[in-house]
Amino acid sequence: MAKNPSEGPKDELSQLTDEELLRCSKDELVRRLRRVDSEKMNLMIEHGNMMKDINRRLQVHLHEIRSLKEINQKLQDDNHELRELCCFLDDDRQKGKKLSREWQRFGRYTASAMWKEVGTYMMKLKELEANQDTVLRENTELKEIILMLDEERTEQGPGAP
């Protein structure tokens, strides 16, 4: 396409002095002009192809950017959803912990109340056992008294008052 500058200054019109150009024939100047025009056209075509390639690559990159933005948005949405889920689960864990502590307190209170009740019932049972022993002794004494009275009555006879 473009000629290498090392090929010589005489091949390029822009590098020729005015005197050198005046010495060239009309045919030579037309030939050089057409060659430069052709090179210029080739460079413009090459530039156009490069621009098409750059635009194509740019479109590919823009498509990748859009895809990455969509993926990023989805990941941000997932992240937000997971954060909300973590907050919900943490709240649920806190409620469970609180409920567990309440049940433990209730259990300790209930056990304490039961021990107090059992203690009260044990004291009442001891009192009742003591009362039962007293009643048994009194019953035994009453039986003995009744037996003694029966013996006295039988000894006195049937007609005694």
N, C-alpha and C. Protein backbone atom coordinates (compact mmCIF):
# COMPACT_ATOMS: atom_id res chain seq x y z
N MET A 1 0.82 -1.15 0.00
CA MET A 1 0.00 0.00 0.00
C MET A 1 0.89 1.25 0.00
N ALA A 2 1.27 1.75 1.20
CA ALA A 2 2.11 2.93 1.22
C ALA A 2 3.55 2.51 0.97
N LYS A 3 4.26 3.33 0.23
CA LYS A 3 5.65 3.02 -0.08
C LYS A 3 6.51 3.34 1.13
N ASN A 4 7.52 2.59 1.32
CA ASN A 4 8.45 2.79 2.41
C ASN A 4 9.33 3.99 2.08
N PRO A 5 9.53 4.92 3.01
CA PRO A 5 10.34 6.10 2.71
C PRO A 5 11.78 5.75 2.36
N SER A 6 12.26 4.58 2.69
CA SER A 6 13.65 4.21 2.41
C SER A 6 13.86 3.92 0.92
N GLU A 7 12.79 3.86 0.11
CA GLU A 7 12.92 3.56 -1.31
C GLU A 7 13.52 4.73 -2.08
N GLY A 8 13.53 5.84 -1.50
CA GLY A 8 14.18 6.97 -2.17
C GLY A 8 13.27 8.15 -2.25
N PRO A 9 13.84 9.34 -2.16
CA PRO A 9 13.04 10.55 -2.14
C PRO A 9 12.44 10.88 -3.49
N LYS A 10 12.94 10.34 -4.58
CA LYS A 10 12.45 10.70 -5.90
C LYS A 10 11.12 10.05 -6.20
N ASP A 11 10.70 8.99 -5.44
CA ASP A 11 9.43 8.33 -5.70
C ASP A 11 8.27 9.10 -5.10
N GLU A 12 8.51 9.94 -4.20
CA GLU A 12 7.46 10.70 -3.54
C GLU A 12 7.43 12.12 -4.11
N LEU A 13 6.24 12.54 -4.53
CA LEU A 13 6.11 13.88 -5.10
C LEU A 13 6.37 14.96 -4.06
N SER A 14 5.95 14.70 -2.84
CA SER A 14 6.08 15.74 -1.81
C SER A 14 7.53 15.97 -1.43
N GLN A 15 8.39 15.00 -1.73
CA GLN A 15 9.79 15.16 -1.35
C GLN A 15 10.63 15.78 -2.48
N LEU A 16 10.02 15.94 -3.64
CA LEU A 16 10.75 16.55 -4.76
C LEU A 16 10.70 18.08 -4.65
N THR A 17 11.76 18.70 -5.02
CA THR A 17 11.79 20.16 -5.01
C THR A 17 11.05 20.67 -6.24
N ASP A 18 10.74 21.94 -6.21
CA ASP A 18 10.03 22.54 -7.35
C ASP A 18 10.85 22.40 -8.63
N GLU A 19 12.14 22.57 -8.56
CA GLU A 19 13.01 22.46 -9.73
C GLU A 19 12.96 21.05 -10.31
N GLU A 20 13.00 20.06 -9.40
CA GLU A 20 12.96 18.67 -9.87
C GLU A 20 11.64 18.39 -10.55
N LEU A 21 10.55 18.92 -10.00
CA LEU A 21 9.23 18.71 -10.59
C LEU A 21 9.14 19.37 -11.97
N LEU A 22 9.75 20.56 -12.13
CA LEU A 22 9.72 21.25 -13.41
C LEU A 22 10.52 20.48 -14.47
N ARG A 23 11.50 19.77 -14.08
CA ARG A 23 12.33 19.02 -15.01
C ARG A 23 11.62 17.76 -15.49
N CYS A 24 10.64 17.26 -14.70
CA CYS A 24 9.93 16.03 -15.08
C CYS A 24 9.00 16.33 -16.25
N SER A 25 8.82 15.33 -17.10
CA SER A 25 7.91 15.50 -18.22
C SER A 25 6.48 15.44 -17.73
N LYS A 26 5.60 15.87 -18.60
CA LYS A 26 4.18 15.88 -18.27
C LYS A 26 3.69 14.46 -18.01
N ASP A 27 4.11 13.53 -18.86
CA ASP A 27 3.71 12.13 -18.69
C ASP A 27 4.21 11.57 -17.36
N GLU A 28 5.45 11.93 -17.02
CA GLU A 28 6.02 11.46 -15.75
C GLU A 28 5.22 12.02 -14.57
N LEU A 29 4.87 13.29 -14.65
CA LEU A 29 4.09 13.90 -13.56
C LEU A 29 2.71 13.27 -13.46
N VAL A 30 2.06 13.01 -14.60
CA VAL A 30 0.74 12.37 -14.59
C VAL A 30 0.86 10.97 -14.00
N ARG A 31 1.91 10.24 -14.45
CA ARG A 31 2.11 8.89 -13.93
C ARG A 31 2.31 8.92 -12.41
N ARG A 32 3.14 9.82 -11.93
CA ARG A 32 3.39 9.93 -10.49
C ARG A 32 2.12 10.37 -9.76
N LEU A 33 1.39 11.28 -10.37
CA LEU A 33 0.14 11.75 -9.75
C LEU A 33 -0.85 10.60 -9.63
N ARG A 34 -0.99 9.82 -10.69
CA ARG A 34 -1.92 8.69 -10.66
C ARG A 34 -1.48 7.65 -9.63
N ARG A 35 -0.16 7.42 -9.59
CA ARG A 35 0.35 6.46 -8.60
C ARG A 35 0.06 6.97 -7.18
N VAL A 36 0.30 8.22 -6.91
CA VAL A 36 0.03 8.80 -5.59
C VAL A 36 -1.46 8.76 -5.32
N ASP A 37 -2.27 9.05 -6.33
CA ASP A 37 -3.73 8.96 -6.18
C ASP A 37 -4.15 7.54 -5.83
N SER A 38 -3.54 6.58 -6.55
CA SER A 38 -3.85 5.17 -6.30
C SER A 38 -3.45 4.78 -4.88
N GLU A 39 -2.26 5.20 -4.47
CA GLU A 39 -1.81 4.91 -3.10
C GLU A 39 -2.74 5.56 -2.09
N LYS A 40 -3.14 6.79 -2.41
CA LYS A 40 -4.05 7.51 -1.51
C LYS A 40 -5.38 6.76 -1.40
N MET A 41 -5.89 6.27 -2.55
CA MET A 41 -7.15 5.53 -2.56
C MET A 41 -7.00 4.22 -1.78
N ASN A 42 -5.87 3.54 -2.00
CA ASN A 42 -5.61 2.29 -1.25
C ASN A 42 -5.54 2.56 0.24
N LEU A 43 -4.89 3.66 0.61
CA LEU A 43 -4.81 4.02 2.03
C LEU A 43 -6.19 4.33 2.59
N MET A 44 -7.02 5.01 1.78
CA MET A 44 -8.38 5.33 2.26
C MET A 44 -9.20 4.05 2.41
N ILE A 45 -9.04 3.10 1.46
CA ILE A 45 -9.75 1.82 1.57
C ILE A 45 -9.26 1.06 2.79
N GLU A 46 -7.94 1.03 2.97
CA GLU A 46 -7.37 0.35 4.14
C GLU A 46 -7.86 1.02 5.43
N HIS A 47 -7.89 2.34 5.41
CA HIS A 47 -8.38 3.08 6.59
C HIS A 47 -9.85 2.73 6.84
N GLY A 48 -10.64 2.68 5.75
CA GLY A 48 -12.06 2.31 5.89
C GLY A 48 -12.22 0.91 6.45
N ASN A 49 -11.39 -0.03 5.95
CA ASN A 49 -11.45 -1.41 6.47
C ASN A 49 -11.05 -1.46 7.94
N MET A 50 -10.02 -0.68 8.27
CA MET A 50 -9.60 -0.63 9.68
C MET A 50 -10.71 -0.04 10.54
N MET A 51 -11.39 0.98 10.05
CA MET A 51 -12.49 1.58 10.81
C MET A 51 -13.64 0.59 10.98
N LYS A 52 -13.92 -0.19 9.89
CA LYS A 52 -14.96 -1.23 10.00
C LYS A 52 -14.57 -2.25 11.06
N ASP A 53 -13.30 -2.66 11.03
CA ASP A 53 -12.83 -3.64 12.02
C ASP A 53 -12.92 -3.07 13.42
N ILE A 54 -12.51 -1.81 13.57
CA ILE A 54 -12.58 -1.16 14.89
C ILE A 54 -14.04 -1.05 15.33
N ASN A 55 -14.93 -0.66 14.42
CA ASN A 55 -16.35 -0.56 14.77
C ASN A 55 -16.92 -1.93 15.15
N ARG A 56 -16.51 -2.96 14.38
CA ARG A 56 -16.98 -4.31 14.70
C ARG A 56 -16.50 -4.72 16.10
N ARG A 57 -15.20 -4.48 16.36
CA ARG A 57 -14.66 -4.81 17.69
C ARG A 57 -15.35 -3.99 18.77
N LEU A 58 -15.61 -2.73 18.46
CA LEU A 58 -16.30 -1.87 19.42
C LEU A 58 -17.69 -2.42 19.73
N GLN A 59 -18.40 -2.87 18.69
CA GLN A 59 -19.73 -3.47 18.90
C GLN A 59 -19.62 -4.72 19.76
N VAL A 60 -18.61 -5.55 19.48
CA VAL A 60 -18.40 -6.76 20.30
C VAL A 60 -18.15 -6.36 21.75
N HIS A 61 -17.29 -5.36 21.95
CA HIS A 61 -16.99 -4.92 23.31
C HIS A 61 -18.23 -4.32 23.98
N LEU A 62 -19.01 -3.55 23.22
CA LEU A 62 -20.23 -2.98 23.79
C LEU A 62 -21.20 -4.08 24.18
N HIS A 63 -21.29 -5.11 23.33
CA HIS A 63 -22.16 -6.25 23.65
C HIS A 63 -21.66 -6.95 24.93
N GLU A 64 -20.34 -7.13 25.01
CA GLU A 64 -19.77 -7.73 26.22
C GLU A 64 -20.07 -6.87 27.45
N ILE A 65 -19.94 -5.56 27.29
CA ILE A 65 -20.21 -4.64 28.41
C ILE A 65 -21.66 -4.76 28.85
N ARG A 66 -22.58 -4.80 27.86
CA ARG A 66 -24.01 -4.96 28.21
C ARG A 66 -24.23 -6.28 28.94
N SER A 67 -23.63 -7.35 28.41
CA SER A 67 -23.78 -8.66 29.05
C SER A 67 -23.23 -8.63 30.47
N LEU A 68 -22.06 -8.01 30.62
CA LEU A 68 -21.46 -7.93 31.96
C LEU A 68 -22.31 -7.08 32.89
N LYS A 69 -22.90 -6.01 32.36
CA LYS A 69 -23.79 -5.18 33.19
C LYS A 69 -25.00 -5.99 33.64
N GLU A 70 -25.57 -6.78 32.70
CA GLU A 70 -26.71 -7.62 33.07
C GLU A 70 -26.32 -8.64 34.13
N ILE A 71 -25.16 -9.27 33.93
CA ILE A 71 -24.68 -10.25 34.92
C ILE A 71 -24.44 -9.56 36.25
N ASN A 72 -23.82 -8.37 36.21
CA ASN A 72 -23.55 -7.62 37.43
C ASN A 72 -24.85 -7.27 38.14
N GLN A 73 -25.86 -6.83 37.38
CA GLN A 73 -27.15 -6.48 37.98
C GLN A 73 -27.78 -7.71 38.63
N LYS A 74 -27.71 -8.85 37.92
CA LYS A 74 -28.27 -10.09 38.47
C LYS A 74 -27.54 -10.47 39.76
N LEU A 75 -26.21 -10.35 39.74
CA LEU A 75 -25.43 -10.66 40.94
C LEU A 75 -25.76 -9.69 42.08
N GLN A 76 -25.95 -8.42 41.75
CA GLN A 76 -26.32 -7.45 42.79
C GLN A 76 -27.70 -7.78 43.35
N ASP A 77 -28.64 -8.17 42.46
CA ASP A 77 -29.97 -8.57 42.93
C ASP A 77 -29.88 -9.80 43.82
N ASP A 78 -29.08 -10.79 43.39
CA ASP A 78 -28.89 -12.00 44.21
C ASP A 78 -28.26 -11.64 45.55
N ASN A 79 -27.27 -10.75 45.50
CA ASN A 79 -26.60 -10.31 46.73
C ASN A 79 -27.59 -9.64 47.67
N HIS A 80 -28.44 -8.77 47.11
CA HIS A 80 -29.45 -8.09 47.93
C HIS A 80 -30.42 -9.11 48.53
N GLU A 81 -30.84 -10.06 47.70
CA GLU A 81 -31.77 -11.09 48.19
C GLU A 81 -31.12 -11.93 49.29
N LEU A 82 -29.84 -12.27 49.10
CA LEU A 82 -29.14 -13.05 50.12
C LEU A 82 -28.96 -12.24 51.40
N ARG A 83 -28.70 -10.94 51.28
CA ARG A 83 -28.59 -10.10 52.48
C ARG A 83 -29.91 -10.07 53.24
N GLU A 84 -31.01 -9.92 52.48
CA GLU A 84 -32.33 -9.92 53.12
C GLU A 84 -32.59 -11.27 53.79
N LEU A 85 -32.21 -12.36 53.12
CA LEU A 85 -32.39 -13.69 53.69
C LEU A 85 -31.55 -13.84 54.95
N CYS A 86 -30.32 -13.34 54.92
CA CYS A 86 -29.45 -13.40 56.10
C CYS A 86 -30.08 -12.61 57.26
N CYS A 87 -30.60 -11.43 56.95
CA CYS A 87 -31.25 -10.62 57.99
C CYS A 87 -32.46 -11.36 58.56
N PHE A 88 -33.26 -11.95 57.67
CA PHE A 88 -34.43 -12.70 58.12
C PHE A 88 -34.01 -13.87 59.00
N LEU A 89 -32.99 -14.63 58.54
CA LEU A 89 -32.53 -15.78 59.31
C LEU A 89 -31.92 -15.35 60.64
N ASP A 90 -31.21 -14.21 60.64
CA ASP A 90 -30.63 -13.72 61.89
C ASP A 90 -31.74 -13.30 62.85
N ASP A 91 -32.77 -12.62 62.33
CA ASP A 91 -33.92 -12.26 63.17
C ASP A 91 -34.58 -13.51 63.72
N ASP A 92 -34.75 -14.51 62.85
CA ASP A 92 -35.37 -15.77 63.26
C ASP A 92 -34.52 -16.45 64.33
N ARG A 93 -33.19 -16.42 64.14
CA ARG A 93 -32.28 -17.01 65.12
C ARG A 93 -32.40 -16.28 66.46
N GLN A 94 -32.45 -14.93 66.40
CA GLN A 94 -32.58 -14.15 67.64
C GLN A 94 -33.89 -14.47 68.35
N LYS A 95 -34.98 -14.59 67.56
CA LYS A 95 -36.28 -14.93 68.16
C LYS A 95 -36.22 -16.31 68.79
N GLY A 96 -35.59 -17.26 68.09
CA GLY A 96 -35.45 -18.62 68.63
C GLY A 96 -34.64 -18.62 69.91
N LYS A 97 -33.57 -17.84 69.92
CA LYS A 97 -32.73 -17.74 71.11
C LYS A 97 -33.52 -17.15 72.28
N LYS A 98 -34.28 -16.09 71.99
CA LYS A 98 -35.10 -15.45 73.03
C LYS A 98 -36.15 -16.43 73.55
N LEU A 99 -36.81 -17.13 72.61
CA LEU A 99 -37.83 -18.10 73.00
C LEU A 99 -37.21 -19.22 73.84
N SER A 100 -36.02 -19.66 73.46
CA SER A 100 -35.33 -20.70 74.21
C SER A 100 -35.04 -20.22 75.64
N ARG A 101 -34.55 -18.97 75.76
CA ARG A 101 -34.28 -18.44 77.10
C ARG A 101 -35.57 -18.36 77.93
N GLU A 102 -36.68 -17.93 77.27
CA GLU A 102 -37.95 -17.85 77.99
C GLU A 102 -38.39 -19.23 78.47
N TRP A 103 -38.24 -20.26 77.60
CA TRP A 103 -38.63 -21.61 78.01
C TRP A 103 -37.71 -22.11 79.13
N GLN A 104 -36.42 -21.76 79.08
CA GLN A 104 -35.51 -22.16 80.16
C GLN A 104 -35.93 -21.50 81.47
N ARG A 105 -36.25 -20.20 81.40
CA ARG A 105 -36.72 -19.51 82.61
C ARG A 105 -38.00 -20.15 83.13
N PHE A 106 -38.93 -20.42 82.20
CA PHE A 106 -40.18 -21.05 82.59
C PHE A 106 -39.91 -22.41 83.23
N GLY A 107 -38.98 -23.17 82.64
CA GLY A 107 -38.63 -24.49 83.19
C GLY A 107 -38.03 -24.36 84.58
N ARG A 108 -37.11 -23.40 84.77
CA ARG A 108 -36.51 -23.21 86.09
C ARG A 108 -37.57 -22.77 87.10
N TYR A 109 -38.45 -21.83 86.68
CA TYR A 109 -39.51 -21.37 87.57
C TYR A 109 -40.43 -22.53 87.94
N THR A 110 -40.81 -23.32 86.91
CA THR A 110 -41.71 -24.45 87.16
C THR A 110 -41.05 -25.46 88.09
N ALA A 111 -39.78 -25.77 87.85
CA ALA A 111 -39.07 -26.72 88.71
C ALA A 111 -38.99 -26.18 90.14
N SER A 112 -38.70 -24.89 90.26
CA SER A 112 -38.63 -24.28 91.59
C SER A 112 -39.98 -24.35 92.29
N ALA A 113 -41.04 -24.00 91.54
CA ALA A 113 -42.38 -24.05 92.12
C ALA A 113 -42.74 -25.48 92.51
N MET A 114 -42.37 -26.44 91.66
CA MET A 114 -42.67 -27.85 91.96
C MET A 114 -41.93 -28.30 93.22
N TRP A 115 -40.65 -27.89 93.35
CA TRP A 115 -39.91 -28.27 94.54
C TRP A 115 -40.54 -27.67 95.80
N LYS A 116 -40.98 -26.41 95.67
CA LYS A 116 -41.66 -25.78 96.82
C LYS A 116 -42.93 -26.55 97.16
N GLU A 117 -43.71 -26.89 96.12
CA GLU A 117 -44.95 -27.63 96.34
C GLU A 117 -44.66 -28.99 96.96
N VAL A 118 -43.64 -29.66 96.42
CA VAL A 118 -43.27 -30.98 96.96
C VAL A 118 -42.86 -30.83 98.42
N GLY A 119 -42.10 -29.78 98.72
CA GLY A 119 -41.70 -29.54 100.11
C GLY A 119 -42.91 -29.31 101.00
N THR A 120 -43.86 -28.50 100.50
CA THR A 120 -45.09 -28.23 101.26
C THR A 120 -45.86 -29.52 101.48
N TYR A 121 -45.99 -30.33 100.41
CA TYR A 121 -46.72 -31.59 100.53
C TYR A 121 -46.01 -32.56 101.46
N MET A 122 -44.69 -32.55 101.45
CA MET A 122 -43.93 -33.43 102.37
C MET A 122 -44.18 -33.01 103.82
N MET A 123 -44.21 -31.69 104.06
CA MET A 123 -44.49 -31.22 105.42
C MET A 123 -45.90 -31.62 105.83
N LYS A 124 -46.88 -31.45 104.93
CA LYS A 124 -48.26 -31.84 105.24
C LYS A 124 -48.34 -33.34 105.49
N LEU A 125 -47.59 -34.12 104.67
CA LEU A 125 -47.59 -35.57 104.84
C LEU A 125 -47.04 -35.95 106.21
N LYS A 126 -45.95 -35.28 106.63
CA LYS A 126 -45.38 -35.56 107.95
C LYS A 126 -46.39 -35.21 109.04
N GLU A 127 -47.08 -34.04 108.84
CA GLU A 127 -48.10 -33.66 109.83
C GLU A 127 -49.22 -34.69 109.87
N LEU A 128 -49.66 -35.13 108.70
CA LEU A 128 -50.73 -36.13 108.64
C LEU A 128 -50.29 -37.45 109.26
N GLU A 129 -49.02 -37.84 109.01
CA GLU A 129 -48.51 -39.08 109.62
C GLU A 129 -48.48 -38.94 111.14
N ALA A 130 -48.05 -37.74 111.59
CA ALA A 130 -48.03 -37.52 113.04
C ALA A 130 -49.45 -37.56 113.59
N ASN A 131 -50.40 -36.91 112.86
CA ASN A 131 -51.80 -36.94 113.30
C ASN A 131 -52.34 -38.37 113.30
N GLN A 132 -51.94 -39.14 112.28
CA GLN A 132 -52.40 -40.53 112.19
C GLN A 132 -51.87 -41.34 113.38
N ASP A 133 -50.61 -41.12 113.70
CA ASP A 133 -50.05 -41.83 114.86
C ASP A 133 -50.80 -41.45 116.14
N THR A 134 -51.11 -40.14 116.26
CA THR A 134 -51.86 -39.68 117.44
C THR A 134 -53.24 -40.32 117.47
N VAL A 135 -53.91 -40.33 116.32
CA VAL A 135 -55.25 -40.92 116.24
C VAL A 135 -55.18 -42.41 116.56
N LEU A 136 -54.17 -43.11 116.05
CA LEU A 136 -54.02 -44.55 116.32
C LEU A 136 -53.82 -44.79 117.82
N ARG A 137 -52.98 -43.96 118.43
CA ARG A 137 -52.76 -44.11 119.88
C ARG A 137 -54.05 -43.86 120.65
N GLU A 138 -54.75 -42.78 120.22
CA GLU A 138 -56.01 -42.47 120.90
C GLU A 138 -57.02 -43.60 120.69
N ASN A 139 -57.07 -44.14 119.47
CA ASN A 139 -57.99 -45.26 119.20
C ASN A 139 -57.63 -46.47 120.05
N THR A 140 -56.34 -46.73 120.16
CA THR A 140 -55.90 -47.87 120.98
C THR A 140 -56.29 -47.63 122.44
N GLU A 141 -56.09 -46.43 122.92
CA GLU A 141 -56.47 -46.11 124.30
C GLU A 141 -57.97 -46.26 124.49
N LEU A 142 -58.74 -45.75 123.50
CA LEU A 142 -60.20 -45.87 123.59
C LEU A 142 -60.63 -47.33 123.59
N LYS A 143 -60.00 -48.17 122.79
CA LYS A 143 -60.33 -49.61 122.76
C LYS A 143 -60.07 -50.23 124.13
N GLU A 144 -58.93 -49.84 124.69
CA GLU A 144 -58.58 -50.39 126.00
C GLU A 144 -59.61 -49.96 127.04
N ILE A 145 -60.02 -48.68 126.94
CA ILE A 145 -61.02 -48.17 127.89
C ILE A 145 -62.33 -48.92 127.70
N ILE A 146 -62.72 -49.12 126.43
CA ILE A 146 -63.97 -49.82 126.14
C ILE A 146 -63.89 -51.25 126.66
N LEU A 147 -62.77 -51.91 126.44
CA LEU A 147 -62.61 -53.28 126.92
C LEU A 147 -62.66 -53.32 128.45
N MET A 148 -62.07 -52.37 129.08
CA MET A 148 -62.11 -52.34 130.55
C MET A 148 -63.53 -52.11 131.03
N LEU A 149 -64.21 -51.19 130.34
CA LEU A 149 -65.60 -50.93 130.74
C LEU A 149 -66.46 -52.16 130.51
N ASP A 150 -66.24 -52.87 129.41
CA ASP A 150 -67.00 -54.09 129.13
C ASP A 150 -66.71 -55.13 130.21
N GLU A 151 -65.49 -55.26 130.63
CA GLU A 151 -65.13 -56.23 131.65
C GLU A 151 -65.80 -55.87 132.98
N GLU A 152 -65.81 -54.59 133.28
CA GLU A 152 -66.45 -54.16 134.53
C GLU A 152 -67.93 -54.45 134.48
N ARG A 153 -68.55 -54.20 133.38
CA ARG A 153 -69.97 -54.45 133.25
C ARG A 153 -70.26 -55.95 133.34
N THR A 154 -69.47 -56.72 132.71
CA THR A 154 -69.71 -58.17 132.78
C THR A 154 -69.44 -58.68 134.19
N GLU A 155 -68.57 -58.11 134.91
CA GLU A 155 -68.28 -58.53 136.26
C GLU A 155 -69.42 -58.12 137.20
N GLN A 156 -70.02 -57.03 136.96
CA GLN A 156 -71.09 -56.55 137.82
C GLN A 156 -72.37 -57.34 137.57
N GLY A 157 -72.52 -57.84 136.54
CA GLY A 157 -73.69 -58.65 136.29
C GLY A 157 -74.65 -57.98 135.34
N PRO A 158 -75.67 -58.82 135.01
CA PRO A 158 -76.58 -58.33 134.00
C PRO A 158 -77.53 -57.28 134.55
N GLY A 159 -77.84 -57.21 135.69
CA GLY A 159 -78.84 -56.29 136.16
C GLY A 159 -78.28 -55.05 136.77
N ALA A 160 -77.03 -54.89 136.83
CA ALA A 160 -76.44 -53.73 137.47
C ALA A 160 -76.51 -52.50 136.57
N PRO A 161 -76.80 -51.42 137.25
CA PRO A 161 -76.93 -50.21 136.46
C PRO A 161 -75.66 -49.59 136.04
